[in-house]
Amino acid sequence: MIKVSGGGFVVSLFSQGLQLMLYGMGTVVVFLTTLVLATRLMSVLLSRFSGPEPTGDSLPSQPSLPSPSGAHLGRSVDPRVLAAVTAAVHTHRATRN
C-alpha cells in the first residue's frame, strides 16, 4: 500500500492511520459495551439469588456501654472492689506515662 512516488505516500499513510484509529476505537466500544452488559447481568443475578435486604427493624441494636456500678448485670458491685479497680487503673495510667 505504500507508494513512493509523489503525494500518494502521504495519503496512504494517512488512510492507514485512520484505519488503525477506527479499529482501536471500535475495539474500545465493544469492550466497554461488554463490560456494561456483564455488570448488569451480575447485578440481576445477585439481586435474584441474594436474600432480602435488611431493614432498620431487623438490624441488631448496638449494645449499650456497661455502667460502672454493674447495674447492667442485675447486681451491684461492692464499692470497695470498685474503688480498688479504679485505683489500680489510675496507678497503671500514671506509671505508663
PDB file of N, CA and C in Angstrom:
ATOM      1  N   MET A   1       0.803  -1.203   0.000  1.00  0.00           N
ATOM      2  CA  MET A   1       0.000   0.000   0.000  1.00  0.00           C
ATOM      3  C   MET A   1       0.845   1.266   0.000  1.00  0.00           C
ATOM      4  N   ILE A   2       2.098   1.168   0.362  1.00  0.00           N
ATOM      5  CA  ILE A   2       2.948   2.353   0.416  1.00  0.00           C
ATOM      6  C   ILE A   2       3.433   2.668  -0.987  1.00  0.00           C
ATOM      7  N   LYS A   3       3.160   3.877  -1.420  1.00  0.00           N
ATOM      8  CA  LYS A   3       3.594   4.331  -2.734  1.00  0.00           C
ATOM      9  C   LYS A   3       4.710   5.344  -2.548  1.00  0.00           C
ATOM     10  N   VAL A   4       5.748   5.190  -3.267  1.00  0.00           N
ATOM     11  CA  VAL A   4       6.917   6.045  -3.121  1.00  0.00           C
ATOM     12  C   VAL A   4       6.789   7.296  -3.965  1.00  0.00           C
ATOM     13  N   SER A   5       6.121   7.247  -5.063  1.00  0.00           N
ATOM     14  CA  SER A   5       6.090   8.370  -5.988  1.00  0.00           C
ATOM     15  C   SER A   5       5.049   9.405  -5.579  1.00  0.00           C
ATOM     16  N   GLY A   6       5.436  10.651  -5.585  1.00  0.00           N
ATOM     17  CA  GLY A   6       4.527  11.774  -5.394  1.00  0.00           C
ATOM     18  C   GLY A   6       3.909  11.842  -4.014  1.00  0.00           C
ATOM     19  N   GLY A   7       2.662  12.383  -3.934  1.00  0.00           N
ATOM     20  CA  GLY A   7       1.955  12.569  -2.685  1.00  0.00           C
ATOM     21  C   GLY A   7       1.155  11.354  -2.269  1.00  0.00           C
ATOM     22  N   GLY A   8       1.201  10.270  -3.033  1.00  0.00           N
ATOM     23  CA  GLY A   8       0.468   9.063  -2.696  1.00  0.00           C
ATOM     24  C   GLY A   8       0.928   8.441  -1.392  1.00  0.00           C
ATOM     25  N   PHE A   9       2.203   8.629  -1.051  1.00  0.00           N
ATOM     26  CA  PHE A   9       2.751   8.088   0.195  1.00  0.00           C
ATOM     27  C   PHE A   9       2.044   8.696   1.406  1.00  0.00           C
ATOM     28  N   VAL A  10       1.818   9.994   1.361  1.00  0.00           N
ATOM     29  CA  VAL A  10       1.183  10.691   2.480  1.00  0.00           C
ATOM     30  C   VAL A  10      -0.272  10.258   2.602  1.00  0.00           C
ATOM     31  N   VAL A  11      -0.964  10.137   1.481  1.00  0.00           N
ATOM     32  CA  VAL A  11      -2.366   9.736   1.504  1.00  0.00           C
ATOM     33  C   VAL A  11      -2.496   8.315   2.018  1.00  0.00           C
ATOM     34  N   SER A  12      -1.622   7.423   1.590  1.00  0.00           N
ATOM     35  CA  SER A  12      -1.671   6.046   2.046  1.00  0.00           C
ATOM     36  C   SER A  12      -1.372   5.961   3.543  1.00  0.00           C
ATOM     37  N   LEU A  13      -0.394   6.709   3.995  1.00  0.00           N
ATOM     38  CA  LEU A  13      -0.058   6.712   5.419  1.00  0.00           C
ATOM     39  C   LEU A  13      -1.210   7.268   6.246  1.00  0.00           C
ATOM     40  N   PHE A  14      -1.850   8.320   5.717  1.00  0.00           N
ATOM     41  CA  PHE A  14      -2.991   8.907   6.406  1.00  0.00           C
ATOM     42  C   PHE A  14      -4.152   7.914   6.476  1.00  0.00           C
ATOM     43  N   SER A  15      -4.421   7.206   5.413  1.00  0.00           N
ATOM     44  CA  SER A  15      -5.524   6.242   5.411  1.00  0.00           C
ATOM     45  C   SER A  15      -5.226   5.075   6.346  1.00  0.00           C
ATOM     46  N   GLN A  16      -3.965   4.646   6.418  1.00  0.00           N
ATOM     47  CA  GLN A  16      -3.609   3.579   7.368  1.00  0.00           C
ATOM     48  C   GLN A  16      -3.789   4.049   8.810  1.00  0.00           C
ATOM     49  N   GLY A  17      -3.419   5.283   9.094  1.00  0.00           N
ATOM     50  CA  GLY A  17      -3.617   5.841  10.430  1.00  0.00           C
ATOM     51  C   GLY A  17      -5.086   5.939  10.781  1.00  0.00           C
ATOM     52  N   LEU A  18      -5.904   6.330   9.794  1.00  0.00           N
ATOM     53  CA  LEU A  18      -7.345   6.426  10.014  1.00  0.00           C
ATOM     54  C   LEU A  18      -7.946   5.040  10.266  1.00  0.00           C
ATOM     55  N   GLN A  19      -7.511   4.053   9.510  1.00  0.00           N
ATOM     56  CA  GLN A  19      -7.998   2.684   9.714  1.00  0.00           C
ATOM     57  C   GLN A  19      -7.609   2.163  11.093  1.00  0.00           C
ATOM     58  N   LEU A  20      -6.372   2.422  11.498  1.00  0.00           N
ATOM     59  CA  LEU A  20      -5.917   1.977  12.819  1.00  0.00           C
ATOM     60  C   LEU A  20      -6.712   2.667  13.931  1.00  0.00           C
ATOM     61  N   MET A  21      -6.991   3.957  13.751  1.00  0.00           N
ATOM     62  CA  MET A  21      -7.764   4.690  14.754  1.00  0.00           C
ATOM     63  C   MET A  21      -9.179   4.119  14.867  1.00  0.00           C
ATOM     64  N   LEU A  22      -9.817   3.867  13.740  1.00  0.00           N
ATOM     65  CA  LEU A  22     -11.173   3.326  13.772  1.00  0.00           C
ATOM     66  C   LEU A  22     -11.187   1.915  14.365  1.00  0.00           C
ATOM     67  N   TYR A  23     -10.195   1.119  14.052  1.00  0.00           N
ATOM     68  CA  TYR A  23     -10.103  -0.226  14.629  1.00  0.00           C
ATOM     69  C   TYR A  23      -9.945  -0.147  16.152  1.00  0.00           C
ATOM     70  N   GLY A  24      -9.082   0.741  16.627  1.00  0.00           N
ATOM     71  CA  GLY A  24      -8.873   0.902  18.067  1.00  0.00           C
ATOM     72  C   GLY A  24     -10.107   1.409  18.777  1.00  0.00           C
ATOM     73  N   MET A  25     -10.776   2.394  18.182  1.00  0.00           N
ATOM     74  CA  MET A  25     -11.986   2.934  18.800  1.00  0.00           C
ATOM     75  C   MET A  25     -13.099   1.893  18.807  1.00  0.00           C
ATOM     76  N   GLY A  26     -13.197   1.123  17.750  1.00  0.00           N
ATOM     77  CA  GLY A  26     -14.198   0.060  17.712  1.00  0.00           C
ATOM     78  C   GLY A  26     -13.947  -0.989  18.775  1.00  0.00           C
ATOM     79  N   THR A  27     -12.672  -1.329  18.966  1.00  0.00           N
ATOM     80  CA  THR A  27     -12.314  -2.304  19.999  1.00  0.00           C
ATOM     81  C   THR A  27     -12.699  -1.793  21.381  1.00  0.00           C
ATOM     82  N   VAL A  28     -12.439  -0.523  21.647  1.00  0.00           N
ATOM     83  CA  VAL A  28     -12.783   0.063  22.947  1.00  0.00           C
ATOM     84  C   VAL A  28     -14.297   0.071  23.152  1.00  0.00           C
ATOM     85  N   VAL A  29     -15.061   0.432  22.135  1.00  0.00           N
ATOM     86  CA  VAL A  29     -16.516   0.464  22.257  1.00  0.00           C
ATOM     87  C   VAL A  29     -17.059  -0.936  22.542  1.00  0.00           C
ATOM     88  N   VAL A  30     -16.541  -1.933  21.819  1.00  0.00           N
ATOM     89  CA  VAL A  30     -17.003  -3.306  22.048  1.00  0.00           C
ATOM     90  C   VAL A  30     -16.649  -3.763  23.463  1.00  0.00           C
ATOM     91  N   PHE A  31     -15.424  -3.461  23.927  1.00  0.00           N
ATOM     92  CA  PHE A  31     -15.010  -3.860  25.271  1.00  0.00           C
ATOM     93  C   PHE A  31     -15.878  -3.196  26.334  1.00  0.00           C
ATOM     94  N   LEU A  32     -16.109  -1.900  26.207  1.00  0.00           N
ATOM     95  CA  LEU A  32     -16.908  -1.197  27.217  1.00  0.00           C
ATOM     96  C   LEU A  32     -18.368  -1.662  27.204  1.00  0.00           C
ATOM     97  N   THR A  33     -18.905  -1.942  26.034  1.00  0.00           N
ATOM     98  CA  THR A  33     -20.273  -2.458  25.969  1.00  0.00           C
ATOM     99  C   THR A  33     -20.362  -3.821  26.641  1.00  0.00           C
ATOM    100  N   THR A  34     -19.379  -4.664  26.384  1.00  0.00           N
ATOM    101  CA  THR A  34     -19.350  -5.983  27.032  1.00  0.00           C
ATOM    102  C   THR A  34     -19.232  -5.830  28.546  1.00  0.00           C
ATOM    103  N   LEU A  35     -18.425  -4.890  29.001  1.00  0.00           N
ATOM    104  CA  LEU A  35     -18.252  -4.660  30.435  1.00  0.00           C
ATOM    105  C   LEU A  35     -19.556  -4.200  31.079  1.00  0.00           C
ATOM    106  N   VAL A  36     -20.262  -3.288  30.440  1.00  0.00           N
ATOM    107  CA  VAL A  36     -21.531  -2.799  30.984  1.00  0.00           C
ATOM    108  C   VAL A  36     -22.557  -3.925  31.039  1.00  0.00           C
ATOM    109  N   LEU A  37     -22.641  -4.716  29.969  1.00  0.00           N
ATOM    110  CA  LEU A  37     -23.602  -5.818  29.953  1.00  0.00           C
ATOM    111  C   LEU A  37     -23.270  -6.870  31.017  1.00  0.00           C
ATOM    112  N   ALA A  38     -21.990  -7.188  31.196  1.00  0.00           N
ATOM    113  CA  ALA A  38     -21.598  -8.158  32.220  1.00  0.00           C
ATOM    114  C   ALA A  38     -21.922  -7.631  33.619  1.00  0.00           C
ATOM    115  N   THR A  39     -21.714  -6.343  33.837  1.00  0.00           N
ATOM    116  CA  THR A  39     -22.024  -5.756  35.144  1.00  0.00           C
ATOM    117  C   THR A  39     -23.525  -5.798  35.425  1.00  0.00           C
ATOM    118  N   ARG A  40     -24.320  -5.482  34.423  1.00  0.00           N
ATOM    119  CA  ARG A  40     -25.775  -5.537  34.608  1.00  0.00           C
ATOM    120  C   ARG A  40     -26.242  -6.964  34.853  1.00  0.00           C
ATOM    121  N   LEU A  41     -25.664  -7.922  34.134  1.00  0.00           N
ATOM    122  CA  LEU A  41     -26.032  -9.325  34.327  1.00  0.00           C
ATOM    123  C   LEU A  41     -25.693  -9.783  35.743  1.00  0.00           C
ATOM    124  N   MET A  42     -24.508  -9.427  36.230  1.00  0.00           N
ATOM    125  CA  MET A  42     -24.128  -9.798  37.598  1.00  0.00           C
ATOM    126  C   MET A  42     -25.059  -9.140  38.614  1.00  0.00           C
ATOM    127  N   SER A  43     -25.461  -7.905  38.368  1.00  0.00           N
ATOM    128  CA  SER A  43     -26.370  -7.221  39.284  1.00  0.00           C
ATOM    129  C   SER A  43     -27.724  -7.925  39.345  1.00  0.00           C
ATOM    130  N   VAL A  44     -28.216  -8.330  38.187  1.00  0.00           N
ATOM    131  CA  VAL A  44     -29.503  -9.033  38.154  1.00  0.00           C
ATOM    132  C   VAL A  44     -29.392 -10.377  38.865  1.00  0.00           C
ATOM    133  N   LEU A  45     -28.309 -11.102  38.601  1.00  0.00           N
ATOM    134  CA  LEU A  45     -28.135 -12.411  39.239  1.00  0.00           C
ATOM    135  C   LEU A  45     -27.992 -12.289  40.754  1.00  0.00           C
ATOM    136  N   LEU A  46     -27.233 -11.308  41.211  1.00  0.00           N
ATOM    137  CA  LEU A  46     -27.058 -11.130  42.652  1.00  0.00           C
ATOM    138  C   LEU A  46     -28.356 -10.726  43.328  1.00  0.00           C
ATOM    139  N   SER A  47     -29.121  -9.855  42.689  1.00  0.00           N
ATOM    140  CA  SER A  47     -30.380  -9.444  43.320  1.00  0.00           C
ATOM    141  C   SER A  47     -31.391 -10.588  43.320  1.00  0.00           C
ATOM    142  N   ARG A  48     -31.307 -11.475  42.353  1.00  0.00           N
ATOM    143  CA  ARG A  48     -32.244 -12.590  42.292  1.00  0.00           C
ATOM    144  C   ARG A  48     -31.906 -13.661  43.326  1.00  0.00           C
ATOM    145  N   PHE A  49     -30.626 -13.971  43.507  1.00  0.00           N
ATOM    146  CA  PHE A  49     -30.233 -15.079  44.366  1.00  0.00           C
ATOM    147  C   PHE A  49     -29.858 -14.673  45.784  1.00  0.00           C
ATOM    148  N   SER A  50     -29.761 -13.402  46.066  1.00  0.00           N
ATOM    149  CA  SER A  50     -29.452 -12.986  47.438  1.00  0.00           C
ATOM    150  C   SER A  50     -30.751 -12.838  48.217  1.00  0.00           C
ATOM    151  N   GLY A  51     -30.611 -12.845  49.528  1.00  0.00           N
ATOM    152  CA  GLY A  51     -31.776 -12.705  50.393  1.00  0.00           C
ATOM    153  C   GLY A  51     -32.266 -11.275  50.400  1.00  0.00           C
ATOM    154  N   PRO A  52     -33.365 -11.037  51.107  1.00  0.00           N
ATOM    155  CA  PRO A  52     -33.883  -9.670  51.176  1.00  0.00           C
ATOM    156  C   PRO A  52     -32.921  -8.782  51.950  1.00  0.00           C
ATOM    157  N   GLU A  53     -32.894  -7.528  51.576  1.00  0.00           N
ATOM    158  CA  GLU A  53     -32.006  -6.588  52.259  1.00  0.00           C
ATOM    159  C   GLU A  53     -32.570  -6.300  53.648  1.00  0.00           C
ATOM    160  N   PRO A  54     -31.688  -6.172  54.637  1.00  0.00           N
ATOM    161  CA  PRO A  54     -32.178  -5.913  55.999  1.00  0.00           C
ATOM    162  C   PRO A  54     -32.762  -4.513  56.110  1.00  0.00           C
ATOM    163  N   THR A  55     -33.806  -4.405  56.879  1.00  0.00           N
ATOM    164  CA  THR A  55     -34.419  -3.106  57.130  1.00  0.00           C
ATOM    165  C   THR A  55     -33.956  -2.613  58.494  1.00  0.00           C
ATOM    166  N   GLY A  56     -34.359  -1.434  58.846  1.00  0.00           N
ATOM    167  CA  GLY A  56     -33.963  -0.867  60.133  1.00  0.00           C
ATOM    168  C   GLY A  56     -34.499  -1.657  61.313  1.00  0.00           C
ATOM    169  N   ASP A  57     -35.632  -2.331  61.142  1.00  0.00           N
ATOM    170  CA  ASP A  57     -36.215  -3.094  62.236  1.00  0.00           C
ATOM    171  C   ASP A  57     -35.465  -4.395  62.492  1.00  0.00           C
ATOM    172  N   SER A  58     -34.905  -4.988  61.437  1.00  0.00           N
ATOM    173  CA  SER A  58     -34.269  -6.292  61.608  1.00  0.00           C
ATOM    174  C   SER A  58     -32.788  -6.197  61.950  1.00  0.00           C
ATOM    175  N   LEU A  59     -32.222  -4.993  61.934  1.00  0.00           N
ATOM    176  CA  LEU A  59     -30.813  -4.839  62.279  1.00  0.00           C
ATOM    177  C   LEU A  59     -30.634  -5.008  63.782  1.00  0.00           C
ATOM    178  N   PRO A  60     -29.564  -5.664  64.200  1.00  0.00           N
ATOM    179  CA  PRO A  60     -29.347  -5.800  65.644  1.00  0.00           C
ATOM    180  C   PRO A  60     -28.999  -4.452  66.255  1.00  0.00           C
ATOM    181  N   SER A  61     -29.519  -4.215  67.437  1.00  0.00           N
ATOM    182  CA  SER A  61     -29.218  -2.954  68.099  1.00  0.00           C
ATOM    183  C   SER A  61     -27.837  -3.030  68.720  1.00  0.00           C
ATOM    184  N   GLN A  62     -27.199  -1.894  68.819  1.00  0.00           N
ATOM    185  CA  GLN A  62     -25.870  -1.856  69.413  1.00  0.00           C
ATOM    186  C   GLN A  62     -26.005  -1.997  70.926  1.00  0.00           C
ATOM    187  N   PRO A  63     -25.132  -2.795  71.508  1.00  0.00           N
ATOM    188  CA  PRO A  63     -25.222  -2.943  72.965  1.00  0.00           C
ATOM    189  C   PRO A  63     -24.826  -1.654  73.654  1.00  0.00           C
ATOM    190  N   SER A  64     -25.475  -1.397  74.755  1.00  0.00           N
ATOM    191  CA  SER A  64     -25.151  -0.194  75.497  1.00  0.00           C
ATOM    192  C   SER A  64     -23.860  -0.424  76.287  1.00  0.00           C
ATOM    193  N   LEU A  65     -23.211   0.665  76.610  1.00  0.00           N
ATOM    194  CA  LEU A  65     -21.977   0.576  77.383  1.00  0.00           C
ATOM    195  C   LEU A  65     -22.304   0.144  78.810  1.00  0.00           C
ATOM    196  N   PRO A  66     -21.463  -0.666  79.401  1.00  0.00           N
ATOM    197  CA  PRO A  66     -21.739  -1.088  80.777  1.00  0.00           C
ATOM    198  C   PRO A  66     -21.594   0.078  81.742  1.00  0.00           C
ATOM    199  N   SER A  67     -22.439   0.085  82.729  1.00  0.00           N
ATOM    200  CA  SER A  67     -22.358   1.146  83.727  1.00  0.00           C
ATOM    201  C   SER A  67     -21.307   0.765  84.770  1.00  0.00           C
ATOM    202  N   PRO A  68     -20.660   1.738  85.359  1.00  0.00           N
ATOM    203  CA  PRO A  68     -19.620   1.432  86.347  1.00  0.00           C
ATOM    204  C   PRO A  68     -20.158   0.731  87.589  1.00  0.00           C
ATOM    205  N   SER A  69     -21.442   0.894  87.861  1.00  0.00           N
ATOM    206  CA  SER A  69     -21.978   0.289  89.076  1.00  0.00           C
ATOM    207  C   SER A  69     -22.316  -1.184  88.889  1.00  0.00           C
ATOM    208  N   GLY A  70     -22.260  -1.677  87.666  1.00  0.00           N
ATOM    209  CA  GLY A  70     -22.577  -3.081  87.428  1.00  0.00           C
ATOM    210  C   GLY A  70     -24.064  -3.340  87.375  1.00  0.00           C
ATOM    211  N   ALA A  71     -24.873  -2.286  87.220  1.00  0.00           N
ATOM    212  CA  ALA A  71     -26.326  -2.459  87.199  1.00  0.00           C
ATOM    213  C   ALA A  71     -26.777  -3.249  85.981  1.00  0.00           C
ATOM    214  N   HIS A  72     -25.946  -3.263  84.930  1.00  0.00           N
ATOM    215  CA  HIS A  72     -26.327  -3.996  83.730  1.00  0.00           C
ATOM    216  C   HIS A  72     -26.279  -5.510  83.962  1.00  0.00           C
ATOM    217  N   LEU A  73     -25.609  -5.939  85.011  1.00  0.00           N
ATOM    218  CA  LEU A  73     -25.530  -7.361  85.313  1.00  0.00           C
ATOM    219  C   LEU A  73     -26.680  -7.818  86.209  1.00  0.00           C
ATOM    220  N   GLY A  74     -27.465  -6.887  86.679  1.00  0.00           N
ATOM    221  CA  GLY A  74     -28.565  -7.234  87.557  1.00  0.00           C
ATOM    222  C   GLY A  74     -28.133  -7.313  89.012  1.00  0.00           C
ATOM    223  N   ARG A  75     -26.909  -6.910  89.297  1.00  0.00           N
ATOM    224  CA  ARG A  75     -26.436  -6.909  90.685  1.00  0.00           C
ATOM    225  C   ARG A  75     -25.491  -5.729  90.857  1.00  0.00           C
ATOM    226  N   SER A  76     -25.286  -5.321  92.057  1.00  0.00           N
ATOM    227  CA  SER A  76     -24.415  -4.177  92.303  1.00  0.00           C
ATOM    228  C   SER A  76     -22.993  -4.655  92.605  1.00  0.00           C
ATOM    229  N   VAL A  77     -22.047  -3.793  92.324  1.00  0.00           N
ATOM    230  CA  VAL A  77     -20.642  -4.104  92.595  1.00  0.00           C
ATOM    231  C   VAL A  77     -20.301  -3.519  93.963  1.00  0.00           C
ATOM    232  N   ASP A  78     -19.550  -4.281  94.717  1.00  0.00           N
ATOM    233  CA  ASP A  78     -19.112  -3.816  96.025  1.00  0.00           C
ATOM    234  C   ASP A  78     -18.311  -2.532  95.845  1.00  0.00           C
ATOM    235  N   PRO A  79     -18.652  -1.476  96.562  1.00  0.00           N
ATOM    236  CA  PRO A  79     -17.935  -0.202  96.405  1.00  0.00           C
ATOM    237  C   PRO A  79     -16.449  -0.323  96.694  1.00  0.00           C
ATOM    238  N   ARG A  80     -16.034  -1.246  97.546  1.00  0.00           N
ATOM    239  CA  ARG A  80     -14.604  -1.420  97.836  1.00  0.00           C
ATOM    240  C   ARG A  80     -13.883  -2.006  96.617  1.00  0.00           C
ATOM    241  N   VAL A  81     -14.552  -2.941  95.931  1.00  0.00           N
ATOM    242  CA  VAL A  81     -13.953  -3.524  94.715  1.00  0.00           C
ATOM    243  C   VAL A  81     -13.848  -2.457  93.635  1.00  0.00           C
ATOM    244  N   LEU A  82     -14.899  -1.653  93.502  1.00  0.00           N
ATOM    245  CA  LEU A  82     -14.882  -0.586  92.514  1.00  0.00           C
ATOM    246  C   LEU A  82     -13.769   0.399  92.811  1.00  0.00           C
ATOM    247  N   ALA A  83     -13.589   0.755  94.070  1.00  0.00           N
ATOM    248  CA  ALA A  83     -12.519   1.675  94.453  1.00  0.00           C
ATOM    249  C   ALA A  83     -11.152   1.058  94.174  1.00  0.00           C
ATOM    250  N   ALA A  84     -10.982  -0.236  94.445  1.00  0.00           N
ATOM    251  CA  ALA A  84      -9.699  -0.897  94.197  1.00  0.00           C
ATOM    252  C   ALA A  84      -9.373  -0.929  92.699  1.00  0.00           C
ATOM    253  N   VAL A  85     -10.363  -1.239  91.885  1.00  0.00           N
ATOM    254  CA  VAL A  85     -10.139  -1.285  90.432  1.00  0.00           C
ATOM    255  C   VAL A  85      -9.831   0.110  89.903  1.00  0.00           C
ATOM    256  N   THR A  86     -10.563   1.103  90.388  1.00  0.00           N
ATOM    257  CA  THR A  86     -10.316   2.476  89.960  1.00  0.00           C
ATOM    258  C   THR A  86      -8.906   2.917  90.335  1.00  0.00           C
ATOM    259  N   ALA A  87      -8.465   2.587  91.545  1.00  0.00           N
ATOM    260  CA  ALA A  87      -7.114   2.945  91.974  1.00  0.00           C
ATOM    261  C   ALA A  87      -6.065   2.219  91.137  1.00  0.00           C
ATOM    262  N   ALA A  88      -6.303   0.966  90.823  1.00  0.00           N
ATOM    263  CA  ALA A  88      -5.340   0.204  90.023  1.00  0.00           C
ATOM    264  C   ALA A  88      -5.212   0.792  88.622  1.00  0.00           C
ATOM    265  N   VAL A  89      -6.334   1.153  88.008  1.00  0.00           N
ATOM    266  CA  VAL A  89      -6.295   1.754  86.670  1.00  0.00           C
ATOM    267  C   VAL A  89      -5.586   3.092  86.726  1.00  0.00           C
ATOM    268  N   HIS A  90      -5.873   3.902  87.748  1.00  0.00           N
ATOM    269  CA  HIS A  90      -5.212   5.189  87.890  1.00  0.00           C
ATOM    270  C   HIS A  90      -3.704   5.033  88.051  1.00  0.00           C
ATOM    271  N   THR A  91      -3.287   4.061  88.871  1.00  0.00           N
ATOM    272  CA  THR A  91      -1.860   3.828  89.078  1.00  0.00           C
ATOM    273  C   THR A  91      -1.194   3.340  87.792  1.00  0.00           C
ATOM    274  N   HIS A  92      -1.855   2.464  87.061  1.00  0.00           N
ATOM    275  CA  HIS A  92      -1.303   1.970  85.817  1.00  0.00           C
ATOM    276  C   HIS A  92      -1.112   3.084  84.798  1.00  0.00           C
ATOM    277  N   ARG A  93      -2.114   3.941  84.681  1.00  0.00           N
ATOM    278  CA  ARG A  93      -2.020   5.048  83.727  1.00  0.00           C
ATOM    279  C   ARG A  93      -0.945   6.059  84.141  1.00  0.00           C
ATOM    280  N   ALA A  94      -0.779   6.242  85.433  1.00  0.00           N
ATOM    281  CA  ALA A  94       0.237   7.191  85.914  1.00  0.00           C
ATOM    282  C   ALA A  94       1.633   6.680  85.669  1.00  0.00           C
ATOM    283  N   THR A  95       1.871   5.368  85.839  1.00  0.00           N
ATOM    284  CA  THR A  95       3.212   4.818  85.648  1.00  0.00           C
ATOM    285  C   THR A  95       3.530   4.568  84.189  1.00  0.00           C
ATOM    286  N   ARG A  96       2.531   4.451  83.349  1.00  0.00           N
ATOM    287  CA  ARG A  96       2.765   4.184  81.931  1.00  0.00           C
ATOM    288  C   ARG A  96       3.341   5.419  81.243  1.00  0.00           C
ATOM    289  N   ASN A  97       2.980   6.596  81.660  1.00  0.00           N
ATOM    290  CA  ASN A  97       3.459   7.832  81.023  1.00  0.00           C
ATOM    291  C   ASN A  97       4.724   8.229  81.647  1.00  0.00           C
TER     292      ASN A  97
END
